[in-house]
Every structure is written in C-alpha cells, then in structure tokens.
Amino acid sequence: MPGASKFYRSSGAQALVRQQLTLAPQATLEWLPQDAIFFPGANARLFTTFHLCASSRLLAWDLLCLGRPVIGETFSHGTLSNRLEVWVDDEPLLVERLQLQEGELSSVAERPWVGTLLCYPATDALLDGVRDALAPLGLYAGASLTDRLLTVRFLSDDNLICQRVMRDVWQFLRPHLTGKSPVLPRIWLT
C-alpha cells in the first residue's frame, strides 16, 4: 500500500514514533495517514497526541495492520505499544493504550485490522449517522460520544471493508466538521 508506515522484524531495538499535533483556536486538522503495518517480529512503540482548543476541529484516524493478512501472514510474535491521546484545553478527553506482546491478539479478538477514528466537536446526530455507516463491520465496531469527542473503533479481518467503512465515515463527517465536500485524496485511489 503506498504511503503506509511499515515496522519490520527487529533484532531487539525498539522503533519509536512520537507525534504531537497542536491546534490553535479555530484551527481544523484532518489527520488521515495510511495504515501502519507491523510485520511479525516488529518491536514498536507509538505515541500520538492531539492538543486542541475548545474551538478547534479534528477529524483523525489511526489504522493498524497486524501482520500481512492479505498473504496469510499473522503478527505471530513481536511487541506493539500504541498510545493515542486527545486533550482539549489541557484536559484529557481520551487516553487509550493498546499493548500487544508476543503475538497475543486476544485483546483485539484475533483480528489483524484495528482502527480508531476521532471527530471533535461532534453531536448526537453525528453519532447516529456514524453508527449507521458501521453496519458492514457488524459486532466488531462501535462509536461513542463523550464531551463532544466522537470516537469510532473497529476490528476486522478484511482491509477492503475497513478502508471502505472508514472512508464512508469520513465522507459523512467531513462536510459537518469543515463545511467542505468530501473529495477523496488521490493517494487513496492507488
């Protein structure tokens, strides 16, 4: 997949990615990176933190691929620590940590695709619309709204369904959040 982050097998050293994104008042950020792919034997620690003001707008996602399921390769061994945080006016709205050790995937229901989508500020109407879009993922998807932060989570075996559903959710949310039409970035079409 073009643009995907890749974490290969490690001989022991840990890969560290630390991202801090700070939004000014009235600022809007759409943070929609390609998937992060974790090969068997990877040893990675990721930190992504969004610092917002109450008047900021955020539409972001975090997509993780454990192994290379398209070719039948699983994340059979390795470690992954993924921490995702959202702060508004120096108050935490979301502090989430996924910890996987030695290929133990029970915490993600043995699914290789793990995703989180965030939207701020959001409303009950947006929550209802997003829940409708999650139907193709069945029981392995959900959405919640807390303190105007809409959080969408999903697990899946199929990357095409994941990508389609996340794009559908993005296309639904973008006009409400930014007032702009949801034109797909060209890289998504490759």
N, C-alpha and C. Protein backbone atom coordinates (compact mmCIF):
# COMPACT_ATOMS: atom_id res chain seq x y z
N MET A 1 0.85 -1.18 0.00
CA MET A 1 0.00 0.00 0.00
C MET A 1 0.89 1.24 0.00
N PRO A 2 0.72 2.14 -0.94
CA PRO A 2 1.56 3.35 -0.98
C PRO A 2 1.35 4.22 0.26
N GLY A 3 2.42 4.72 0.79
CA GLY A 3 2.34 5.65 1.91
C GLY A 3 2.15 5.01 3.27
N ALA A 4 2.02 3.68 3.33
CA ALA A 4 1.84 3.03 4.62
C ALA A 4 3.14 3.06 5.41
N SER A 5 3.02 3.21 6.72
CA SER A 5 4.19 3.08 7.60
C SER A 5 4.42 1.60 7.82
N LYS A 6 5.68 1.19 7.79
CA LYS A 6 5.99 -0.23 7.95
C LYS A 6 6.99 -0.41 9.08
N PHE A 7 6.70 -1.38 9.94
CA PHE A 7 7.59 -1.72 11.05
C PHE A 7 8.00 -3.18 10.85
N TYR A 8 9.28 -3.35 10.51
CA TYR A 8 9.80 -4.67 10.17
C TYR A 8 10.30 -5.41 11.41
N ARG A 9 10.67 -6.68 11.20
CA ARG A 9 11.21 -7.50 12.28
C ARG A 9 12.40 -6.80 12.92
N SER A 10 12.48 -6.86 14.22
CA SER A 10 13.55 -6.21 14.97
C SER A 10 14.48 -7.26 15.56
N SER A 11 15.77 -6.92 15.60
CA SER A 11 16.73 -7.81 16.27
C SER A 11 16.79 -7.48 17.77
N GLY A 12 15.94 -6.59 18.23
CA GLY A 12 15.89 -6.24 19.64
C GLY A 12 15.61 -4.77 19.88
N ALA A 13 16.12 -3.92 19.00
CA ALA A 13 15.90 -2.48 19.17
C ALA A 13 14.43 -2.15 18.96
N GLN A 14 13.97 -1.16 19.70
CA GLN A 14 12.57 -0.75 19.60
C GLN A 14 12.45 0.48 18.71
N ALA A 15 11.53 0.42 17.75
CA ALA A 15 11.22 1.59 16.93
C ALA A 15 10.29 2.48 17.74
N LEU A 16 10.56 3.78 17.73
CA LEU A 16 9.76 4.73 18.49
C LEU A 16 9.27 5.83 17.56
N VAL A 17 7.97 6.06 17.56
CA VAL A 17 7.37 7.15 16.80
C VAL A 17 6.56 7.99 17.78
N ARG A 18 6.91 9.27 17.87
CA ARG A 18 6.21 10.18 18.77
C ARG A 18 5.70 11.35 17.93
N GLN A 19 4.37 11.51 17.92
CA GLN A 19 3.74 12.58 17.16
C GLN A 19 2.90 13.43 18.11
N GLN A 20 3.16 14.74 18.10
CA GLN A 20 2.36 15.67 18.90
C GLN A 20 1.82 16.72 17.94
N LEU A 21 0.51 16.81 17.87
CA LEU A 21 -0.14 17.74 16.96
C LEU A 21 -0.94 18.73 17.80
N THR A 22 -0.61 20.02 17.65
CA THR A 22 -1.23 21.06 18.46
C THR A 22 -2.01 22.00 17.55
N LEU A 23 -3.28 22.20 17.86
CA LEU A 23 -4.14 23.05 17.06
C LEU A 23 -4.42 24.36 17.78
N ALA A 24 -4.32 25.44 17.03
CA ALA A 24 -4.64 26.77 17.56
C ALA A 24 -6.16 26.94 17.63
N PRO A 25 -6.62 27.97 18.32
CA PRO A 25 -8.06 28.24 18.33
C PRO A 25 -8.58 28.40 16.89
N GLN A 26 -9.74 27.85 16.62
CA GLN A 26 -10.41 27.90 15.31
C GLN A 26 -9.72 27.06 14.24
N ALA A 27 -8.64 26.37 14.56
CA ALA A 27 -7.91 25.57 13.56
C ALA A 27 -8.66 24.26 13.29
N THR A 28 -8.46 23.74 12.06
CA THR A 28 -9.03 22.46 11.67
C THR A 28 -7.91 21.55 11.19
N LEU A 29 -7.94 20.31 11.63
CA LEU A 29 -6.96 19.32 11.18
C LEU A 29 -7.68 18.05 10.77
N GLU A 30 -7.39 17.62 9.54
CA GLU A 30 -7.79 16.29 9.09
C GLU A 30 -6.50 15.47 9.03
N TRP A 31 -6.37 14.51 9.92
CA TRP A 31 -5.16 13.69 10.03
C TRP A 31 -5.56 12.27 9.64
N LEU A 32 -5.26 11.90 8.39
CA LEU A 32 -5.75 10.64 7.82
C LEU A 32 -4.60 9.85 7.21
N PRO A 33 -3.64 9.42 8.02
CA PRO A 33 -2.50 8.70 7.47
C PRO A 33 -2.90 7.32 6.95
N GLN A 34 -2.08 6.80 6.05
CA GLN A 34 -2.26 5.42 5.61
C GLN A 34 -2.01 4.49 6.79
N ASP A 35 -2.30 3.23 6.61
CA ASP A 35 -2.15 2.24 7.66
C ASP A 35 -0.70 2.16 8.16
N ALA A 36 -0.55 1.72 9.38
CA ALA A 36 0.75 1.32 9.92
C ALA A 36 0.75 -0.20 9.93
N ILE A 37 1.71 -0.80 9.23
CA ILE A 37 1.79 -2.25 9.09
C ILE A 37 2.89 -2.77 10.00
N PHE A 38 2.56 -3.75 10.84
CA PHE A 38 3.51 -4.33 11.78
C PHE A 38 3.80 -5.77 11.35
N PHE A 39 5.02 -5.97 10.84
CA PHE A 39 5.44 -7.29 10.40
C PHE A 39 5.70 -8.17 11.62
N PRO A 40 5.60 -9.50 11.47
CA PRO A 40 5.93 -10.38 12.59
C PRO A 40 7.35 -10.07 13.09
N GLY A 41 7.49 -10.00 14.40
CA GLY A 41 8.79 -9.71 14.99
C GLY A 41 9.07 -8.24 15.19
N ALA A 42 8.14 -7.38 14.80
CA ALA A 42 8.34 -5.94 15.00
C ALA A 42 8.33 -5.63 16.49
N ASN A 43 9.06 -4.59 16.85
CA ASN A 43 9.11 -4.12 18.23
C ASN A 43 8.92 -2.61 18.16
N ALA A 44 7.70 -2.15 18.37
CA ALA A 44 7.38 -0.74 18.10
C ALA A 44 6.59 -0.12 19.24
N ARG A 45 6.87 1.15 19.45
CA ARG A 45 6.12 1.96 20.42
C ARG A 45 5.72 3.24 19.71
N LEU A 46 4.41 3.52 19.69
CA LEU A 46 3.88 4.70 19.02
C LEU A 46 3.11 5.55 20.01
N PHE A 47 3.33 6.86 19.94
CA PHE A 47 2.61 7.83 20.76
C PHE A 47 2.05 8.88 19.81
N THR A 48 0.75 9.08 19.82
CA THR A 48 0.14 10.16 19.05
C THR A 48 -0.74 10.96 20.00
N THR A 49 -0.46 12.26 20.08
CA THR A 49 -1.20 13.13 20.99
C THR A 49 -1.71 14.34 20.22
N PHE A 50 -3.00 14.61 20.36
CA PHE A 50 -3.62 15.79 19.78
C PHE A 50 -3.94 16.77 20.91
N HIS A 51 -3.43 17.99 20.79
CA HIS A 51 -3.73 19.06 21.75
C HIS A 51 -4.63 20.06 21.04
N LEU A 52 -5.86 20.19 21.51
CA LEU A 52 -6.85 21.05 20.86
C LEU A 52 -7.26 22.18 21.79
N CYS A 53 -7.84 23.20 21.20
CA CYS A 53 -8.58 24.23 21.94
C CYS A 53 -10.06 23.89 21.79
N ALA A 54 -10.89 24.42 22.64
CA ALA A 54 -12.33 24.13 22.57
C ALA A 54 -12.91 24.50 21.21
N SER A 55 -12.33 25.50 20.53
CA SER A 55 -12.83 25.93 19.23
C SER A 55 -12.13 25.24 18.05
N SER A 56 -11.19 24.34 18.32
CA SER A 56 -10.51 23.59 17.26
C SER A 56 -11.44 22.52 16.71
N ARG A 57 -11.09 22.02 15.51
CA ARG A 57 -11.84 20.94 14.88
C ARG A 57 -10.84 19.86 14.46
N LEU A 58 -11.18 18.61 14.75
CA LEU A 58 -10.30 17.48 14.45
C LEU A 58 -11.08 16.35 13.82
N LEU A 59 -10.53 15.81 12.75
CA LEU A 59 -11.02 14.58 12.15
C LEU A 59 -9.78 13.75 11.86
N ALA A 60 -9.60 12.67 12.60
CA ALA A 60 -8.36 11.90 12.53
C ALA A 60 -8.65 10.42 12.64
N TRP A 61 -7.73 9.63 12.10
CA TRP A 61 -7.83 8.20 12.32
C TRP A 61 -6.48 7.58 12.54
N ASP A 62 -6.53 6.37 13.08
CA ASP A 62 -5.35 5.58 13.40
C ASP A 62 -5.68 4.16 12.96
N LEU A 63 -5.01 3.67 11.92
CA LEU A 63 -5.28 2.35 11.36
C LEU A 63 -4.05 1.47 11.51
N LEU A 64 -4.21 0.33 12.16
CA LEU A 64 -3.11 -0.59 12.40
C LEU A 64 -3.39 -1.91 11.70
N CYS A 65 -2.38 -2.43 11.03
CA CYS A 65 -2.46 -3.74 10.39
C CYS A 65 -1.44 -4.65 11.06
N LEU A 66 -1.90 -5.70 11.69
CA LEU A 66 -1.04 -6.61 12.43
C LEU A 66 -0.69 -7.80 11.55
N GLY A 67 0.56 -7.83 11.07
CA GLY A 67 0.98 -8.82 10.10
C GLY A 67 0.61 -8.37 8.70
N ARG A 68 0.60 -9.33 7.80
CA ARG A 68 0.16 -9.06 6.43
C ARG A 68 -0.94 -10.07 6.09
N PRO A 69 -2.15 -9.80 6.58
CA PRO A 69 -3.22 -10.78 6.43
C PRO A 69 -3.61 -11.09 4.99
N VAL A 70 -3.34 -10.18 4.08
CA VAL A 70 -3.70 -10.42 2.68
C VAL A 70 -2.95 -11.63 2.13
N ILE A 71 -1.73 -11.89 2.66
CA ILE A 71 -0.97 -13.06 2.21
C ILE A 71 -0.94 -14.15 3.29
N GLY A 72 -1.81 -14.04 4.28
CA GLY A 72 -1.91 -15.06 5.31
C GLY A 72 -0.85 -14.99 6.40
N GLU A 73 -0.12 -13.89 6.47
CA GLU A 73 0.93 -13.74 7.49
C GLU A 73 0.34 -13.04 8.71
N THR A 74 0.52 -13.65 9.88
CA THR A 74 -0.03 -13.08 11.11
C THR A 74 1.06 -12.39 11.92
N PHE A 75 0.64 -11.58 12.85
CA PHE A 75 1.56 -10.94 13.80
C PHE A 75 1.80 -11.97 14.91
N SER A 76 2.55 -13.01 14.56
CA SER A 76 2.72 -14.17 15.43
C SER A 76 3.68 -13.93 16.59
N HIS A 77 4.54 -12.95 16.45
CA HIS A 77 5.47 -12.60 17.52
C HIS A 77 5.89 -11.15 17.33
N GLY A 78 6.34 -10.55 18.41
CA GLY A 78 6.71 -9.14 18.39
C GLY A 78 5.93 -8.38 19.44
N THR A 79 6.22 -7.09 19.56
CA THR A 79 5.53 -6.26 20.54
C THR A 79 5.08 -4.95 19.90
N LEU A 80 3.97 -4.47 20.38
CA LEU A 80 3.43 -3.19 19.92
C LEU A 80 2.79 -2.48 21.10
N SER A 81 3.18 -1.24 21.28
CA SER A 81 2.52 -0.36 22.24
C SER A 81 2.06 0.86 21.46
N ASN A 82 0.77 1.10 21.43
CA ASN A 82 0.22 2.23 20.69
C ASN A 82 -0.61 3.08 21.65
N ARG A 83 -0.18 4.30 21.86
CA ARG A 83 -0.88 5.21 22.78
C ARG A 83 -1.46 6.36 21.97
N LEU A 84 -2.74 6.64 22.18
CA LEU A 84 -3.46 7.68 21.46
C LEU A 84 -4.15 8.57 22.49
N GLU A 85 -3.90 9.88 22.39
CA GLU A 85 -4.47 10.82 23.36
C GLU A 85 -5.08 12.02 22.65
N VAL A 86 -6.17 12.53 23.23
CA VAL A 86 -6.79 13.78 22.79
C VAL A 86 -6.98 14.64 24.03
N TRP A 87 -6.45 15.85 23.97
CA TRP A 87 -6.57 16.83 25.05
C TRP A 87 -7.26 18.07 24.50
N VAL A 88 -8.21 18.62 25.26
CA VAL A 88 -8.87 19.86 24.88
C VAL A 88 -8.69 20.84 26.04
N ASP A 89 -8.08 21.98 25.72
CA ASP A 89 -7.78 22.99 26.75
C ASP A 89 -7.10 22.36 27.96
N ASP A 90 -6.09 21.54 27.67
CA ASP A 90 -5.26 20.88 28.70
C ASP A 90 -6.00 19.88 29.58
N GLU A 91 -7.17 19.44 29.14
CA GLU A 91 -7.92 18.41 29.85
C GLU A 91 -7.98 17.15 28.97
N PRO A 92 -7.72 15.98 29.53
CA PRO A 92 -7.75 14.77 28.71
C PRO A 92 -9.19 14.34 28.39
N LEU A 93 -9.44 14.12 27.09
CA LEU A 93 -10.72 13.55 26.67
C LEU A 93 -10.57 12.07 26.34
N LEU A 94 -9.38 11.69 25.86
CA LEU A 94 -9.13 10.30 25.50
C LEU A 94 -7.67 9.99 25.80
N VAL A 95 -7.46 8.93 26.54
CA VAL A 95 -6.12 8.38 26.75
C VAL A 95 -6.27 6.88 26.58
N GLU A 96 -5.77 6.38 25.46
CA GLU A 96 -6.01 4.99 25.09
C GLU A 96 -4.67 4.32 24.82
N ARG A 97 -4.53 3.09 25.28
CA ARG A 97 -3.29 2.37 25.05
C ARG A 97 -3.61 0.94 24.63
N LEU A 98 -3.01 0.54 23.52
CA LEU A 98 -3.09 -0.84 23.06
C LEU A 98 -1.71 -1.45 23.27
N GLN A 99 -1.68 -2.57 23.97
CA GLN A 99 -0.41 -3.24 24.26
C GLN A 99 -0.52 -4.68 23.77
N LEU A 100 0.33 -5.06 22.81
CA LEU A 100 0.36 -6.43 22.30
C LEU A 100 1.75 -7.00 22.55
N GLN A 101 1.80 -8.20 23.10
CA GLN A 101 3.06 -8.87 23.41
C GLN A 101 3.11 -10.24 22.75
N GLU A 102 4.21 -10.53 22.09
CA GLU A 102 4.49 -11.86 21.55
C GLU A 102 3.34 -12.46 20.75
N GLY A 103 2.73 -11.63 19.93
CA GLY A 103 1.70 -12.12 19.03
C GLY A 103 0.38 -12.46 19.68
N GLU A 104 0.21 -12.15 20.95
CA GLU A 104 -1.05 -12.41 21.66
C GLU A 104 -2.08 -11.37 21.24
N LEU A 105 -3.06 -11.81 20.44
CA LEU A 105 -4.03 -10.87 19.86
C LEU A 105 -5.42 -11.00 20.46
N SER A 106 -5.56 -11.65 21.60
CA SER A 106 -6.89 -11.81 22.19
C SER A 106 -7.53 -10.47 22.53
N SER A 107 -6.72 -9.46 22.85
CA SER A 107 -7.30 -8.15 23.20
C SER A 107 -7.92 -7.46 21.99
N VAL A 108 -7.61 -7.94 20.79
CA VAL A 108 -8.23 -7.39 19.58
C VAL A 108 -9.02 -8.49 18.86
N ALA A 109 -9.52 -9.46 19.64
CA ALA A 109 -10.37 -10.54 19.12
C ALA A 109 -9.72 -11.28 17.96
N GLU A 110 -8.38 -11.38 18.00
CA GLU A 110 -7.61 -12.09 16.96
C GLU A 110 -7.77 -11.45 15.58
N ARG A 111 -8.21 -10.23 15.52
CA ARG A 111 -8.40 -9.53 14.24
C ARG A 111 -7.12 -8.78 13.87
N PRO A 112 -6.70 -8.81 12.60
CA PRO A 112 -5.47 -8.13 12.21
C PRO A 112 -5.62 -6.64 11.92
N TRP A 113 -6.84 -6.17 11.75
CA TRP A 113 -7.07 -4.75 11.44
C TRP A 113 -7.71 -4.08 12.65
N VAL A 114 -7.07 -3.03 13.13
CA VAL A 114 -7.54 -2.29 14.30
C VAL A 114 -7.60 -0.82 13.92
N GLY A 115 -8.73 -0.20 14.14
CA GLY A 115 -8.85 1.21 13.76
C GLY A 115 -9.58 2.05 14.78
N THR A 116 -9.18 3.31 14.82
CA THR A 116 -9.85 4.31 15.65
C THR A 116 -10.01 5.56 14.81
N LEU A 117 -11.19 6.15 14.85
CA LEU A 117 -11.45 7.42 14.18
C LEU A 117 -11.95 8.40 15.24
N LEU A 118 -11.46 9.64 15.16
CA LEU A 118 -11.81 10.67 16.14
C LEU A 118 -12.39 11.88 15.43
N CYS A 119 -13.43 12.46 16.01
CA CYS A 119 -14.03 13.67 15.46
C CYS A 119 -14.39 14.60 16.62
N TYR A 120 -13.92 15.85 16.52
CA TYR A 120 -14.22 16.85 17.56
C TYR A 120 -14.43 18.19 16.89
N PRO A 121 -15.47 18.92 17.24
CA PRO A 121 -16.57 18.58 18.13
C PRO A 121 -17.64 17.80 17.37
N ALA A 122 -18.36 16.98 18.07
CA ALA A 122 -19.40 16.17 17.45
C ALA A 122 -20.69 16.28 18.25
N THR A 123 -21.76 15.78 17.64
CA THR A 123 -23.10 15.85 18.24
C THR A 123 -23.73 14.46 18.24
N ASP A 124 -24.87 14.35 18.91
CA ASP A 124 -25.61 13.09 18.92
C ASP A 124 -26.05 12.71 17.50
N ALA A 125 -26.41 13.69 16.69
CA ALA A 125 -26.83 13.40 15.31
C ALA A 125 -25.68 12.79 14.51
N LEU A 126 -24.47 13.29 14.70
CA LEU A 126 -23.31 12.71 14.00
C LEU A 126 -23.05 11.29 14.51
N LEU A 127 -23.18 11.08 15.79
CA LEU A 127 -23.01 9.74 16.36
C LEU A 127 -23.98 8.76 15.71
N ASP A 128 -25.24 9.13 15.58
CA ASP A 128 -26.24 8.26 14.97
C ASP A 128 -25.89 7.95 13.52
N GLY A 129 -25.46 8.96 12.76
CA GLY A 129 -25.09 8.75 11.37
C GLY A 129 -23.88 7.83 11.22
N VAL A 130 -22.92 7.98 12.10
CA VAL A 130 -21.73 7.13 12.06
C VAL A 130 -22.09 5.69 12.39
N ARG A 131 -22.94 5.49 13.36
CA ARG A 131 -23.33 4.13 13.72
C ARG A 131 -23.99 3.41 12.54
N ASP A 132 -24.77 4.13 11.75
CA ASP A 132 -25.37 3.53 10.56
C ASP A 132 -24.29 3.09 9.57
N ALA A 133 -23.24 3.89 9.41
CA ALA A 133 -22.17 3.57 8.46
C ALA A 133 -21.33 2.38 8.91
N LEU A 134 -21.36 2.05 10.19
CA LEU A 134 -20.54 0.96 10.72
C LEU A 134 -21.16 -0.42 10.51
N ALA A 135 -22.37 -0.48 10.01
CA ALA A 135 -23.09 -1.75 9.87
C ALA A 135 -22.28 -2.86 9.18
N PRO A 136 -21.51 -2.58 8.10
CA PRO A 136 -20.77 -3.67 7.45
C PRO A 136 -19.75 -4.36 8.36
N LEU A 137 -19.34 -3.71 9.44
CA LEU A 137 -18.36 -4.33 10.35
C LEU A 137 -19.02 -5.14 11.46
N GLY A 138 -20.34 -5.12 11.52
CA GLY A 138 -21.07 -5.94 12.48
C GLY A 138 -20.72 -5.66 13.92
N LEU A 139 -20.53 -6.73 14.68
CA LEU A 139 -20.29 -6.62 16.12
C LEU A 139 -18.92 -6.07 16.47
N TYR A 140 -18.03 -5.98 15.51
CA TYR A 140 -16.66 -5.56 15.79
C TYR A 140 -16.43 -4.08 15.53
N ALA A 141 -17.48 -3.29 15.68
CA ALA A 141 -17.35 -1.83 15.51
C ALA A 141 -18.30 -1.14 16.47
N GLY A 142 -17.91 0.05 16.86
CA GLY A 142 -18.77 0.83 17.74
C GLY A 142 -18.36 2.28 17.74
N ALA A 143 -19.26 3.12 18.21
CA ALA A 143 -18.99 4.55 18.28
C ALA A 143 -19.56 5.09 19.58
N SER A 144 -18.85 6.07 20.13
CA SER A 144 -19.32 6.70 21.37
C SER A 144 -19.06 8.20 21.29
N LEU A 145 -19.80 8.95 22.09
CA LEU A 145 -19.66 10.40 22.14
C LEU A 145 -19.52 10.80 23.61
N THR A 146 -18.38 11.40 23.94
CA THR A 146 -18.11 11.85 25.30
C THR A 146 -17.49 13.23 25.24
N ASP A 147 -18.11 14.19 25.90
CA ASP A 147 -17.59 15.56 25.94
C ASP A 147 -17.29 16.10 24.53
N ARG A 148 -18.20 15.84 23.61
CA ARG A 148 -18.13 16.29 22.21
C ARG A 148 -17.05 15.59 21.39
N LEU A 149 -16.38 14.58 21.94
CA LEU A 149 -15.42 13.78 21.19
C LEU A 149 -16.10 12.50 20.73
N LEU A 150 -16.23 12.36 19.41
CA LEU A 150 -16.78 11.16 18.81
C LEU A 150 -15.62 10.20 18.57
N THR A 151 -15.73 9.02 19.13
CA THR A 151 -14.69 8.00 18.99
C THR A 151 -15.30 6.78 18.33
N VAL A 152 -14.71 6.36 17.22
CA VAL A 152 -15.16 5.20 16.47
C VAL A 152 -14.06 4.15 16.55
N ARG A 153 -14.42 2.93 16.91
CA ARG A 153 -13.43 1.86 16.99
C ARG A 153 -13.93 0.67 16.18
N PHE A 154 -12.98 -0.04 15.58
CA PHE A 154 -13.36 -1.25 14.86
C PHE A 154 -12.22 -2.25 14.83
N LEU A 155 -12.61 -3.50 14.61
CA LEU A 155 -11.70 -4.62 14.39
C LEU A 155 -12.21 -5.34 13.16
N SER A 156 -11.29 -5.89 12.35
CA SER A 156 -11.75 -6.58 11.15
C SER A 156 -10.70 -7.56 10.63
N ASP A 157 -11.17 -8.48 9.80
CA ASP A 157 -10.29 -9.39 9.06
C ASP A 157 -10.04 -8.91 7.64
N ASP A 158 -10.80 -7.94 7.19
CA ASP A 158 -10.78 -7.55 5.77
C ASP A 158 -10.41 -6.08 5.61
N ASN A 159 -9.25 -5.84 5.01
CA ASN A 159 -8.79 -4.46 4.84
C ASN A 159 -9.69 -3.65 3.90
N LEU A 160 -10.27 -4.28 2.90
CA LEU A 160 -11.11 -3.53 1.97
C LEU A 160 -12.38 -3.02 2.66
N ILE A 161 -12.97 -3.87 3.51
CA ILE A 161 -14.14 -3.42 4.26
C ILE A 161 -13.75 -2.30 5.21
N CYS A 162 -12.62 -2.46 5.90
CA CYS A 162 -12.16 -1.41 6.83
C CYS A 162 -11.98 -0.09 6.11
N GLN A 163 -11.26 -0.13 5.01
CA GLN A 163 -10.99 1.11 4.29
C GLN A 163 -12.27 1.73 3.77
N ARG A 164 -13.18 0.90 3.26
CA ARG A 164 -14.44 1.43 2.74
C ARG A 164 -15.27 2.08 3.85
N VAL A 165 -15.38 1.39 4.97
CA VAL A 165 -16.18 1.92 6.08
C VAL A 165 -15.56 3.21 6.62
N MET A 166 -14.24 3.23 6.80
CA MET A 166 -13.60 4.44 7.31
C MET A 166 -13.77 5.60 6.33
N ARG A 167 -13.68 5.32 5.05
CA ARG A 167 -13.91 6.38 4.05
C ARG A 167 -15.35 6.87 4.10
N ASP A 168 -16.29 5.93 4.25
CA ASP A 168 -17.70 6.32 4.34
C ASP A 168 -17.94 7.21 5.56
N VAL A 169 -17.34 6.84 6.68
CA VAL A 169 -17.50 7.64 7.90
C VAL A 169 -16.88 9.02 7.69
N TRP A 170 -15.67 9.05 7.11
CA TRP A 170 -15.01 10.33 6.82
C TRP A 170 -15.87 11.19 5.89
N GLN A 171 -16.41 10.57 4.82
CA GLN A 171 -17.23 11.32 3.87
C GLN A 171 -18.49 11.86 4.54
N PHE A 172 -19.03 11.14 5.49
CA PHE A 172 -20.20 11.61 6.23
C PHE A 172 -19.83 12.77 7.16
N LEU A 173 -18.72 12.65 7.87
CA LEU A 173 -18.36 13.65 8.88
C LEU A 173 -17.76 14.92 8.30
N ARG A 174 -16.99 14.82 7.24
CA ARG A 174 -16.23 15.98 6.75
C ARG A 174 -17.09 17.21 6.47
N PRO A 175 -18.20 17.10 5.75
CA PRO A 175 -19.00 18.31 5.50
C PRO A 175 -19.52 18.96 6.78
N HIS A 176 -19.87 18.14 7.76
CA HIS A 176 -20.38 18.68 9.03
C HIS A 176 -19.28 19.40 9.81
N LEU A 177 -18.07 18.87 9.74
CA LEU A 177 -16.98 19.42 10.54
C LEU A 177 -16.31 20.61 9.86
N THR A 178 -16.12 20.52 8.54
CA THR A 178 -15.34 21.53 7.83
C THR A 178 -16.15 22.40 6.89
N GLY A 179 -17.37 21.97 6.55
CA GLY A 179 -18.15 22.71 5.56
C GLY A 179 -17.67 22.46 4.14
N LYS A 180 -16.78 21.49 3.96
CA LYS A 180 -16.23 21.17 2.63
C LYS A 180 -16.73 19.81 2.17
N SER A 181 -16.79 19.66 0.84
CA SER A 181 -17.23 18.38 0.30
C SER A 181 -16.12 17.33 0.48
N PRO A 182 -16.50 16.08 0.58
CA PRO A 182 -15.52 15.02 0.81
C PRO A 182 -14.90 14.51 -0.49
N VAL A 183 -13.90 15.20 -0.98
CA VAL A 183 -13.18 14.80 -2.18
C VAL A 183 -12.05 13.86 -1.76
N LEU A 184 -12.04 12.65 -2.31
CA LEU A 184 -11.04 11.67 -1.91
C LEU A 184 -9.64 12.11 -2.34
N PRO A 185 -8.66 12.03 -1.45
CA PRO A 185 -7.27 12.29 -1.85
C PRO A 185 -6.85 11.27 -2.91
N ARG A 186 -6.06 11.72 -3.87
CA ARG A 186 -5.66 10.84 -4.97
C ARG A 186 -4.92 9.59 -4.51
N ILE A 187 -4.12 9.69 -3.45
CA ILE A 187 -3.37 8.52 -3.00
C ILE A 187 -4.29 7.39 -2.55
N TRP A 188 -5.50 7.72 -2.12
CA TRP A 188 -6.44 6.68 -1.71
C TRP A 188 -6.92 5.85 -2.90
N LEU A 189 -6.72 6.36 -4.09
CA LEU A 189 -7.20 5.66 -5.28
C LEU A 189 -6.13 4.77 -5.89
N THR A 190 -4.94 4.71 -5.26
CA THR A 190 -3.85 3.87 -5.81
C THR A 190 -3.84 2.52 -5.17
